Protein backbone atom coordinates (compact mmCIF):
# COMPACT_ATOMS: atom_id res chain seq x y z
CA MET A 1 127.01 146.01 136.36
CA LYS A 2 126.74 143.15 133.82
CA ARG A 3 122.95 143.22 133.83
CA TYR A 4 122.96 147.02 133.42
CA SER A 5 125.54 146.82 130.61
CA LYS A 6 123.54 144.25 128.66
CA SER A 7 120.32 146.23 128.73
CA LEU A 8 121.75 149.73 128.46
CA THR A 9 121.59 150.19 124.70
CA LEU A 10 118.14 148.62 124.30
CA ILE A 11 116.53 150.71 127.01
CA ALA A 12 118.18 153.96 125.92
CA ALA A 13 117.19 153.31 122.32
CA ALA A 14 113.61 152.75 123.49
CA VAL A 15 113.66 156.24 124.99
CA LEU A 16 114.32 157.65 121.52
CA CYS A 17 111.32 155.70 120.21
CA GLY A 18 109.11 156.86 123.07
CA THR A 19 108.40 153.38 124.47
CA VAL A 20 110.25 154.03 127.75
CA SER A 21 110.15 157.26 129.73
CA ALA A 22 113.35 159.27 130.16
CA GLU A 23 112.80 159.30 133.89
CA THR A 24 113.02 155.49 134.20
CA ALA A 25 115.83 154.90 131.68
CA PRO A 26 119.50 154.56 132.70
CA ALA A 27 121.71 157.57 132.14
CA THR A 28 123.45 157.88 128.78
CA LEU A 29 126.21 160.15 127.50
CA ARG A 30 123.64 161.87 125.34
CA LYS A 31 121.43 162.62 128.32
CA ALA A 32 124.26 163.46 130.72
CA TYR A 33 125.72 166.17 128.47
CA ALA A 34 122.57 167.42 126.74
CA ASP A 35 122.84 170.84 128.42
CA ASP A 36 126.62 171.14 128.10
CA PHE A 37 127.84 170.27 124.59
CA LEU A 38 127.24 167.84 121.77
CA ILE A 39 128.65 164.40 122.52
CA GLY A 40 129.72 162.52 119.41
CA ALA A 41 131.45 159.50 117.93
CA ALA A 42 133.25 158.73 114.69
CA LEU A 43 131.30 155.95 112.99
CA ASN A 44 132.06 153.67 110.05
CA ARG A 45 130.04 151.98 107.31
CA GLN A 46 129.67 148.78 109.36
CA VAL A 47 127.65 150.71 111.94
CA ILE A 48 125.85 153.04 109.54
CA GLY A 49 124.89 150.15 107.27
CA GLY A 50 123.14 148.36 110.12
CA ARG A 51 125.02 145.07 109.86
CA ASP A 52 125.75 145.20 113.60
CA THR A 53 122.38 146.06 115.11
CA ARG A 54 123.77 146.25 118.65
CA ALA A 55 126.27 148.88 117.49
CA VAL A 56 123.47 150.81 115.78
CA ASP A 57 121.44 150.84 118.99
CA LEU A 58 124.47 151.87 121.04
CA ALA A 59 125.43 154.76 118.75
CA ALA A 60 121.86 156.04 118.54
CA ALA A 61 121.32 155.88 122.28
CA GLN A 62 124.60 157.35 123.46
CA PHE A 63 125.56 160.10 121.00
CA SER A 64 123.99 163.32 119.79
CA CYS A 65 126.26 163.81 116.78
CA LEU A 66 128.38 161.75 114.43
CA THR A 67 131.44 162.14 112.25
CA ALA A 68 132.19 159.86 109.32
CA GLU A 69 135.51 158.26 110.17
CA ASN A 70 136.62 157.85 106.54
CA ASP A 71 133.71 158.08 104.11
CA MET A 72 133.78 161.86 103.59
CA LYS A 73 137.53 162.00 102.92
CA TRP A 74 138.65 162.76 99.38
CA GLN A 75 139.85 159.25 98.45
CA SER A 76 136.52 157.72 99.42
CA LEU A 77 134.26 160.45 98.12
CA HIS A 78 136.08 161.59 94.97
CA PRO A 79 138.41 158.76 93.89
CA ALA A 80 138.79 159.82 90.24
CA PRO A 81 138.66 163.19 88.45
CA ASP A 82 135.28 162.49 86.87
CA ARG A 83 133.73 160.37 89.61
CA TYR A 84 132.13 161.09 92.98
CA ASP A 85 130.68 158.42 95.26
CA PHE A 86 128.06 159.89 97.57
CA SER A 87 126.64 156.57 98.76
CA GLY A 88 128.62 156.68 102.01
CA PRO A 89 127.87 160.27 103.05
CA ASP A 90 124.22 159.87 102.04
CA ALA A 91 123.95 156.87 104.37
CA TYR A 92 125.40 158.89 107.27
CA LEU A 93 122.88 161.67 106.68
CA GLU A 94 120.02 159.17 106.66
CA PHE A 95 121.28 157.47 109.83
CA ALA A 96 121.59 160.84 111.57
CA LYS A 97 118.12 161.95 110.52
CA LYS A 98 116.59 158.70 111.77
CA ASN A 99 118.35 158.97 115.13
CA ARG A 100 118.17 162.76 115.65
CA MET A 101 121.92 163.28 115.43
CA VAL A 102 123.94 166.24 114.18
CA VAL A 103 126.43 165.51 111.35
CA ILE A 104 129.98 166.86 111.18
CA GLY A 105 131.75 166.71 107.80
CA HIS A 106 135.32 165.37 107.89
CA THR A 107 137.42 166.45 106.00
CA LEU A 108 137.70 168.64 102.88
CA VAL A 109 141.42 169.43 102.57
CA TRP A 110 144.06 167.08 103.99
CA HIS A 111 147.44 165.86 102.81
CA SER A 112 146.54 162.24 103.67
CA GLN A 113 143.83 160.05 102.12
CA THR A 114 143.82 162.28 99.05
CA PRO A 115 144.40 160.53 95.68
CA ASP A 116 147.69 161.24 93.89
CA TRP A 117 145.87 162.49 90.80
CA VAL A 118 144.73 165.55 92.70
CA PHE A 119 148.26 166.91 92.80
CA LYS A 120 149.34 165.99 89.25
CA ASP A 121 148.68 167.21 85.72
CA ASP A 122 147.79 164.98 82.79
CA SER A 123 151.47 164.14 82.17
CA GLY A 124 152.08 163.04 85.75
CA LYS A 125 154.03 166.14 86.71
CA PRO A 126 153.08 168.34 89.69
CA ALA A 127 149.96 170.38 89.00
CA THR A 128 150.17 174.16 88.78
CA ARG A 129 148.74 176.46 91.42
CA GLU A 130 145.85 177.34 89.12
CA VAL A 131 144.98 173.72 88.39
CA LEU A 132 145.10 172.65 92.03
CA LEU A 133 143.07 175.63 93.20
CA LYS A 134 140.41 174.78 90.61
CA ARG A 135 140.32 171.15 91.77
CA MET A 136 140.07 172.24 95.38
CA LYS A 137 137.23 174.64 94.60
CA ASP A 138 135.33 172.12 92.50
CA HIS A 139 135.65 169.42 95.16
CA ILE A 140 134.69 171.63 98.10
CA GLN A 141 131.77 173.29 96.39
CA THR A 142 130.44 170.03 94.97
CA VAL A 143 130.59 168.25 98.34
CA VAL A 144 129.55 171.10 100.63
CA GLY A 145 126.93 172.25 98.15
CA ARG A 146 125.33 168.81 98.00
CA TYR A 147 124.80 168.81 101.78
CA LYS A 148 124.03 172.50 102.19
CA GLY A 149 121.86 173.06 105.22
CA ARG A 150 122.13 169.43 106.36
CA ILE A 151 125.65 169.26 107.81
CA LYS A 152 126.26 171.46 110.84
CA GLY A 153 129.96 172.05 110.25
CA TRP A 154 133.00 170.95 108.26
CA ASP A 155 136.61 170.22 109.11
CA VAL A 156 137.69 172.38 106.19
CA VAL A 157 141.45 171.98 106.63
CA ASN A 158 142.99 169.13 108.60
CA GLU A 159 146.52 168.91 110.05
CA ALA A 160 148.19 171.73 108.15
CA LEU A 161 150.64 172.56 110.97
CA SER A 162 154.07 170.96 111.23
CA ASP A 163 155.24 168.90 114.17
CA GLY A 164 158.68 170.50 114.26
CA GLY A 165 161.31 172.35 112.24
CA PRO A 166 161.58 176.03 111.40
CA GLU A 167 158.29 176.40 109.52
CA PRO A 168 154.91 176.53 111.28
CA LEU A 169 153.10 174.91 108.33
CA ARG A 170 153.53 171.32 107.19
CA ASP A 171 155.36 170.80 103.91
CA SER A 172 152.32 169.27 102.20
CA PRO A 173 151.51 169.12 98.47
CA TRP A 174 148.79 171.71 99.07
CA ARG A 175 151.29 174.18 100.45
CA ARG A 176 154.08 173.38 97.96
CA ILE A 177 151.85 173.87 94.94
CA ILE A 178 149.40 176.57 96.03
CA GLY A 179 151.34 178.37 98.75
CA ASP A 180 150.52 179.31 102.35
CA ASP A 181 147.18 180.76 101.32
CA PHE A 182 145.73 177.33 100.48
CA ILE A 183 144.09 177.34 103.92
CA GLU A 184 142.40 180.68 103.35
CA GLN A 185 141.23 179.63 99.90
CA ALA A 186 139.67 176.43 101.24
CA PHE A 187 137.65 178.29 103.86
CA ARG A 188 136.41 180.84 101.35
CA PHE A 189 135.33 178.13 98.90
CA ALA A 190 133.46 176.28 101.66
CA HIS A 191 131.71 179.44 102.82
CA GLU A 192 130.58 180.21 99.28
CA ALA A 193 129.06 176.73 99.04
CA ASP A 194 127.16 176.95 102.35
CA PRO A 195 127.24 180.37 104.05
CA LYS A 196 125.46 179.03 107.14
CA ALA A 197 127.71 176.01 107.81
CA GLU A 198 130.27 176.19 110.60
CA LEU A 199 133.83 175.91 109.30
CA TYR A 200 136.68 174.48 111.40
CA TYR A 201 140.42 174.05 111.43
CA ASN A 202 141.31 170.64 112.93
CA ASP A 203 144.65 169.28 114.19
CA TYR A 204 146.36 166.98 116.67
CA GLY A 205 149.07 167.72 119.23
CA LEU A 206 147.78 171.20 120.04
CA GLU A 207 148.60 170.63 123.71
CA ASN A 208 152.25 171.03 122.69
CA GLY A 209 153.20 174.63 123.42
CA ARG A 210 154.94 175.29 120.09
CA LYS A 211 152.22 173.78 117.95
CA ARG A 212 149.47 175.45 120.01
CA ASP A 213 151.12 178.86 119.56
CA ASN A 214 151.32 178.23 115.82
CA ALA A 215 147.64 177.28 115.75
CA VAL A 216 146.70 180.44 117.63
CA ALA A 217 148.75 182.54 115.20
CA LEU A 218 147.17 180.76 112.24
CA VAL A 219 143.62 181.43 113.44
CA LYS A 220 144.43 185.03 114.37
CA GLY A 221 145.78 185.61 110.88
CA LEU A 222 142.73 184.11 109.24
CA LEU A 223 140.38 186.21 111.37
CA LYS A 224 142.37 189.37 110.66
CA ARG A 225 141.99 188.77 106.92
CA GLY A 226 138.27 188.20 107.24
CA VAL A 227 138.43 184.49 106.48
CA PRO A 228 135.16 182.78 107.52
CA ILE A 229 136.54 180.38 110.15
CA THR A 230 134.03 179.44 112.86
CA GLY A 231 136.03 177.22 115.17
CA ILE A 232 139.05 175.09 115.93
CA GLY A 233 139.18 171.43 116.82
CA THR A 234 141.77 169.85 119.04
CA GLN A 235 141.81 166.18 118.08
CA SER A 236 142.89 165.01 121.55
CA HIS A 237 144.54 161.68 120.79
CA PHE A 238 145.87 161.34 124.33
CA HIS A 239 147.74 158.83 126.44
CA LEU A 240 147.18 157.79 130.05
CA ASN A 241 149.98 160.11 131.22
CA HIS A 242 150.31 162.63 128.41
CA PRO A 243 149.69 165.48 127.87
CA PRO A 244 149.54 167.04 131.35
CA ILE A 245 146.01 168.06 132.25
CA ALA A 246 147.17 171.68 132.63
CA GLU A 247 148.17 171.73 128.95
CA VAL A 248 144.78 170.32 127.94
CA GLU A 249 143.09 173.16 129.81
CA LYS A 250 145.43 175.82 128.42
CA THR A 251 144.69 174.72 124.87
CA ILE A 252 140.98 175.25 125.43
CA THR A 253 141.41 178.63 127.11
CA ASP A 254 143.87 179.91 124.50
CA PHE A 255 141.52 179.03 121.66
CA ALA A 256 138.46 180.33 123.49
CA ALA A 257 140.24 183.67 123.88
CA LEU A 258 140.16 183.97 120.08
CA LYS A 259 136.35 184.15 120.26
CA VAL A 260 135.92 181.10 118.03
CA LYS A 261 134.14 177.87 118.87
CA VAL A 262 136.30 175.17 120.43
CA MET A 263 135.77 171.45 119.96
CA VAL A 264 137.35 168.19 121.09
CA THR A 265 137.07 166.34 117.82
CA GLU A 266 138.82 162.94 117.97
CA LEU A 267 139.12 161.91 121.61
CA ASP A 268 140.70 158.62 122.68
CA VAL A 269 143.15 157.56 125.40
CA ASP A 270 145.94 155.19 124.34
CA VAL A 271 146.70 152.66 127.10
CA LEU A 272 149.69 150.94 125.44
CA PRO A 273 153.44 151.57 125.83
CA GLN A 274 155.05 153.78 123.19
CA ARG A 275 158.47 153.98 121.58
CA GLY A 276 158.10 157.40 119.98
CA PRO A 277 156.88 160.76 121.24
CA SER A 278 153.39 161.01 122.69
CA GLY A 279 150.89 163.19 120.91
CA ASN A 280 152.10 162.58 117.35
CA ALA A 281 149.00 161.30 115.57
CA ASP A 282 150.34 161.63 112.03
CA ILE A 283 148.64 158.74 110.23
CA SER A 284 151.86 157.91 108.36
CA ARG A 285 153.80 157.32 111.59
CA ARG A 286 155.07 153.75 112.04
CA GLU A 287 157.07 152.11 114.82
CA GLN A 288 158.54 148.65 115.28
CA GLY A 289 156.95 146.25 117.73
CA GLY A 290 158.81 144.47 120.48
CA ASP A 291 158.54 142.68 123.79
CA GLY A 292 156.15 144.28 126.24
CA LEU A 293 154.52 146.62 123.70
CA ASN A 294 151.28 144.63 123.38
CA PRO A 295 150.54 143.81 127.02
CA TYR A 296 146.72 143.47 126.94
CA PRO A 297 145.75 141.20 124.02
CA ASN A 298 142.98 139.52 126.03
CA GLY A 299 141.42 142.57 127.67
CA LEU A 300 142.23 145.42 129.98
CA PRO A 301 142.93 144.31 133.58
CA PRO A 302 141.10 145.98 136.49
CA GLU A 303 144.01 148.19 137.53
CA MET A 304 144.28 149.58 133.99
CA GLN A 305 140.52 150.06 133.79
CA GLU A 306 140.83 152.18 136.90
CA LYS A 307 143.63 154.27 135.37
CA LEU A 308 141.65 154.80 132.20
CA ALA A 309 138.57 155.86 134.17
CA LYS A 310 140.66 158.29 136.20
CA ARG A 311 142.15 159.82 133.06
CA TYR A 312 138.77 160.29 131.42
CA GLY A 313 137.47 161.75 134.66
CA GLU A 314 140.26 164.36 134.68
CA LEU A 315 139.55 165.26 131.06
CA PHE A 316 135.81 165.66 131.50
CA GLU A 317 136.30 167.72 134.64
CA VAL A 318 138.18 170.17 132.39
CA TYR A 319 135.57 169.96 129.63
CA LEU A 320 132.77 170.70 132.05
CA ARG A 321 134.63 173.66 133.54
CA HIS A 322 134.80 175.11 130.05
CA ARG A 323 131.40 174.04 128.75
CA LYS A 324 130.57 177.64 127.86
CA SER A 325 133.46 177.56 125.37
CA LEU A 326 133.28 173.94 124.20
CA THR A 327 130.55 173.11 121.70
CA ARG A 328 131.35 169.44 121.10
CA VAL A 329 133.29 166.44 122.41
CA THR A 330 133.62 163.60 119.89
CA PHE A 331 135.19 160.20 120.57
CA TRP A 332 137.21 158.78 117.69
CA GLY A 333 135.38 155.50 117.41
CA LEU A 334 132.41 153.73 118.94
CA ASP A 335 134.16 150.90 120.78
CA ASP A 336 137.57 149.30 121.32
CA GLY A 337 137.06 146.85 118.49
CA ARG A 338 136.74 149.69 115.97
CA THR A 339 139.50 152.03 117.14
CA TRP A 340 142.23 153.06 114.71
CA LEU A 341 144.73 152.68 117.58
CA ASN A 342 144.64 148.89 117.21
CA GLY A 343 147.08 149.32 114.35
CA PHE A 344 148.76 152.63 115.13
CA PRO A 345 151.66 153.25 115.31
CA ILE A 346 152.58 149.55 115.69
CA ARG A 347 150.65 147.10 113.57
CA GLY A 348 148.81 144.19 115.15
CA ARG A 349 148.43 145.51 118.68
CA VAL A 350 145.26 145.37 120.77
CA ASN A 351 144.30 148.71 122.28
CA HIS A 352 141.49 149.73 124.65
CA PRO A 353 141.11 153.54 124.38
CA LEU A 354 137.34 154.14 124.39
CA LEU A 355 134.39 153.94 126.78
CA PHE A 356 132.91 150.73 125.34
CA ASP A 357 134.76 147.41 125.05
CA ARG A 358 134.77 144.93 122.17
CA ASP A 359 131.50 143.44 123.37
CA LEU A 360 129.94 146.93 123.33
CA LYS A 361 129.71 146.91 127.10
CA PRO A 362 130.38 150.13 129.03
CA LYS A 363 133.69 150.20 130.87
CA PRO A 364 134.32 151.85 134.26
CA ALA A 365 135.46 154.92 132.31
CA PHE A 366 131.94 155.20 130.89
CA ASP A 367 130.44 155.24 134.37
CA THR A 368 132.90 157.94 135.43
CA VAL A 369 132.11 160.17 132.46
CA VAL A 370 128.32 159.76 132.77
CA LYS A 371 128.33 160.45 136.50
CA LEU A 372 130.32 163.65 135.95
CA GLY A 373 127.77 164.84 133.41
CA MET A 374 124.79 163.97 135.56
CA ARG A 375 126.39 165.70 138.54
CA THR A 376 125.94 169.05 136.82
CA LYS A 377 122.18 168.53 136.38
C-alpha cells in the first residue's frame, strides 16, 4: 500500500501526458467515475500556484473538475467598488486548461465573504433596493461575462435558506434590502451574461426534511416563473453517523424529480465529536472546545479509518445508484491538511475528512471509493 501510495500521483499524471498507458496505470478517481459523473475538488491558490508540486500532480491525476475554494467569492474578486482582482480566477482557468479539467464558479451571491460596502450607501447607511440590485447586476455580469464560455456552471446563489424559524429564507442583507426576489434577479443577471452556462442553487443541510422541502419549493417556484435555473447542489458536509443514508438518497431523488441537474458540491465527512447539531455548516458557527473534542491530533487510528471508509462507501453506493441524475461529486478540499474543518466549528482541531491524508497519501476510504467506481466498468 505504501509503495502504491507514493507512486500513485506520478504515474497517473504521466497518463495525462501520454508517457504511460491507461491500461498499465493504477486506478484513479478520475478514471473510476469517467462514465458516471464529474469528480471534483475544491482547490486553493497554494495548489493552483504550483508551490506544492505533489499537490498539483495529485489534483491533476485524480479529478476531472475543480472549484475555487475562495478565490471567486466577492471579497476576493471584487474587494472595493472600483476594483476587481481577476488574478486568482485566471490562474484557476489556466490550471484547468492545462490539466483538462472542468471549472465550476463559486459563488456569485452569498451573505458571507461579501464586503460590507456592498450593502451600504456612501454615507454608511443600508443601500436601497435599486442600488443593491445595480451592484449585484454589475458584479455578476462583469464576472460571468469575463469567463463566458469557459466556466461550465456557476453557484449563482449560495445558502439562501434558513436553518430554522418561521421563514424559509435566511434573513440576509440581500433579502432585507432587495426582497425575496433577489434570488430570481441573480439568476436572470447570470443568464444574460452567459446564456449557455449552467446556473445552480447551492446549500448545506438539505438532508434535513424541513430545509429540503423548502429547497424543493424554492426551485419549483423559480421554474414556474421561468427563471433560468439549471441545477441544485447539496453541499454534503456530513458526519460519520449523520445524516442517515436514507435521507441522503431522498434528497437526490426529490431534486431529480424536479427535472433539474443534481450535484454533490462540497463533500467531506467530519470524524470529530460535536457539541452542536450535525449538518449546520454555516461558516459563522462557533463552538467552545473541551476535553475529548480533539481526539486525533497525530493521525486517524485504524479503527476510525475503517469507519470513514465505510461511510464513504455507503455514500458512493447511493451516488452510483443515481448516476443518471447526478452530474458531479466534488470534495471540499484536496487533502486533510487543507480542509476547512480543521478550524470549524472549534478552532485549532485536527480533522481527517477527505480521501487523502496530510502527506497526500490515499487513505483506505480512497481505495473503497475507487473500487466502487471501477466495479461499474
